[in-house]
Amino acid sequence: VQLQASGGGLVQPGGSLRLSCAASGFSLNYYAIGWFRQAPGKEREGVSCISSADGSTFYADSVKGRFTISKDNSENTVYLQMSSLKPEDTAVYFCAAAPEILGRRVTTWYNPEKYTTWGQGTLVTVSS
């Protein structure tokens, strides 16, 4: 059971990146997948989440309108398309899986304690 996050890198302000979170050893069909980020000296914060129970998507206010989360069931992968990137988006980004028991949508998606499986981080640096 493993999540593999990838796609980070260095990008100029205003640029775009797409992060991927690939699952192996289990199906994402029964999990909500969340993206979190942690900047140096700051707490880990929820960025976005997609529910498998009903397809709902959630975003932190700081990224609404700029980030889009999506899921490819055939690839067992979740993506985070990030656009109009700002220096304050610089952080290590993690993906994580939260079980959705009996098809019930995860609540408080931004709470890291809801997530049982974590991928390694991928660094996103937004700088000119």
Protein backbone atom coordinates (compact mmCIF):
# COMPACT_ATOMS: atom_id res chain seq x y z
CA VAL A 1 0.00 0.00 0.00
CA GLN A 2 1.76 3.07 -1.24
CA LEU A 3 1.23 6.56 -2.58
CA GLN A 4 3.81 8.15 -4.85
CA ALA A 5 3.73 11.92 -5.28
CA SER A 6 5.62 13.52 -8.15
CA GLY A 7 5.69 16.57 -10.39
CA GLY A 8 7.25 19.20 -8.17
CA GLY A 9 9.92 21.58 -9.33
CA LEU A 10 11.00 25.17 -9.74
CA VAL A 11 8.57 27.52 -11.48
CA GLN A 12 8.34 31.26 -11.91
CA PRO A 13 5.50 33.25 -10.34
CA GLY A 14 2.44 33.01 -12.53
CA GLY A 15 3.50 29.64 -13.87
CA SER A 16 1.89 26.22 -13.66
CA LEU A 17 2.72 22.74 -12.44
CA ARG A 18 0.83 19.48 -12.29
CA LEU A 19 1.38 17.17 -9.36
CA SER A 20 0.54 13.46 -9.55
CA CYS A 21 -0.32 11.03 -6.79
CA ALA A 22 -0.19 7.42 -7.94
CA ALA A 23 -1.51 4.63 -5.75
CA SER A 24 -0.16 1.10 -5.71
CA GLY A 25 -1.36 -1.90 -3.77
CA PHE A 26 -4.88 -0.56 -3.30
CA SER A 27 -7.68 1.08 -5.25
CA LEU A 28 -8.41 4.75 -4.81
CA ASN A 29 -12.10 4.02 -5.40
CA TYR A 30 -12.72 3.73 -1.66
CA TYR A 31 -10.64 6.65 -0.48
CA ALA A 32 -10.69 10.38 -0.48
CA ILE A 33 -7.37 11.76 -1.67
CA GLY A 34 -6.08 14.94 -0.17
CA TRP A 35 -3.17 17.19 -0.97
CA PHE A 36 -1.39 18.91 1.89
CA ARG A 37 1.59 21.22 1.93
CA GLN A 38 4.14 22.27 4.47
CA ALA A 39 6.34 25.32 4.13
CA PRO A 40 9.48 25.76 6.24
CA GLY A 41 8.60 26.71 9.79
CA LYS A 42 4.86 26.29 9.20
CA GLU A 43 2.30 23.63 10.00
CA ARG A 44 1.04 21.20 7.41
CA GLU A 45 -2.12 22.57 5.79
CA GLY A 46 -4.81 21.05 3.65
CA VAL A 47 -4.79 22.26 0.06
CA SER A 48 -7.41 20.18 -1.73
CA CYS A 49 -9.32 16.93 -1.59
CA ILE A 50 -11.39 14.76 -3.90
CA SER A 51 -13.94 12.31 -2.58
CA SER A 52 -14.49 8.92 -4.18
CA ALA A 53 -17.86 8.61 -2.48
CA ASP A 54 -19.53 11.30 -4.58
CA GLY A 55 -16.78 13.03 -6.56
CA SER A 56 -16.93 16.20 -4.46
CA THR A 57 -13.89 18.43 -4.52
CA PHE A 58 -12.66 20.80 -1.84
CA TYR A 59 -10.12 23.58 -1.80
CA ALA A 60 -8.44 25.81 0.71
CA ASP A 61 -9.45 29.44 0.27
CA SER A 62 -5.85 30.32 -0.58
CA VAL A 63 -5.90 28.17 -3.73
CA LYS A 64 -9.51 28.40 -4.93
CA GLY A 65 -9.70 29.39 -8.56
CA ARG A 66 -6.03 28.54 -9.13
CA PHE A 67 -5.74 24.83 -8.30
CA THR A 68 -7.81 21.98 -9.71
CA ILE A 69 -7.90 18.45 -8.34
CA SER A 70 -8.91 15.53 -10.54
CA LYS A 71 -8.81 11.76 -10.60
CA ASP A 72 -8.13 9.16 -13.26
CA ASN A 73 -9.63 5.88 -12.11
CA SER A 74 -8.02 3.91 -14.91
CA GLU A 75 -4.59 5.11 -13.81
CA ASN A 76 -5.41 4.97 -10.08
CA THR A 77 -3.93 8.45 -9.90
CA VAL A 78 -5.01 11.83 -8.58
CA TYR A 79 -3.71 15.06 -10.06
CA LEU A 80 -3.36 18.58 -8.73
CA GLN A 81 -3.15 21.16 -11.49
CA MET A 82 -1.66 24.34 -10.07
CA SER A 83 -1.85 27.59 -12.02
CA SER A 84 -1.08 31.24 -11.33
CA LEU A 85 1.47 30.08 -8.80
CA LYS A 86 2.67 32.52 -6.16
CA PRO A 87 5.83 32.52 -4.04
CA GLU A 88 3.67 31.71 -1.02
CA ASP A 89 2.75 28.40 -2.69
CA THR A 90 6.32 27.26 -2.12
CA ALA A 91 6.23 24.14 0.05
CA VAL A 92 6.63 20.40 0.15
CA TYR A 93 3.40 18.90 -1.15
CA PHE A 94 2.09 15.58 0.14
CA CYS A 95 -0.77 13.41 -1.00
CA ALA A 96 -2.69 11.20 1.40
CA ALA A 97 -5.60 8.76 1.41
CA ALA A 98 -8.54 8.79 3.81
CA PRO A 99 -10.87 5.77 3.83
CA GLU A 100 -14.50 6.52 3.01
CA ILE A 101 -16.29 3.88 4.99
CA LEU A 102 -19.55 2.49 3.53
CA GLY A 103 -19.39 5.08 0.78
CA ARG A 104 -19.69 8.01 3.14
CA ARG A 105 -17.86 11.15 2.10
CA VAL A 106 -14.95 12.13 4.30
CA THR A 107 -15.70 15.01 6.65
CA THR A 108 -13.22 17.70 7.70
CA TRP A 109 -11.04 16.82 4.72
CA TYR A 110 -8.40 19.33 5.88
CA ASN A 111 -7.70 17.36 9.06
CA PRO A 112 -4.52 15.28 8.57
CA GLU A 113 -5.74 12.80 11.19
CA LYS A 114 -8.41 11.58 8.75
CA TYR A 115 -5.71 10.18 6.46
CA THR A 116 -4.22 6.76 6.97
CA THR A 117 -1.74 6.53 4.11
CA TRP A 118 0.73 9.23 3.12
CA GLY A 119 3.03 9.60 0.17
CA GLN A 120 6.45 11.13 0.30
CA GLY A 121 6.58 14.84 -0.40
CA THR A 122 7.41 16.63 -3.62
CA LEU A 123 8.96 20.08 -3.44
CA VAL A 124 7.36 23.00 -5.24
CA THR A 125 9.40 26.19 -5.41
CA VAL A 126 7.89 29.34 -6.87
CA SER A 127 10.57 31.92 -7.46
CA SER A 128 11.90 34.25 -10.10
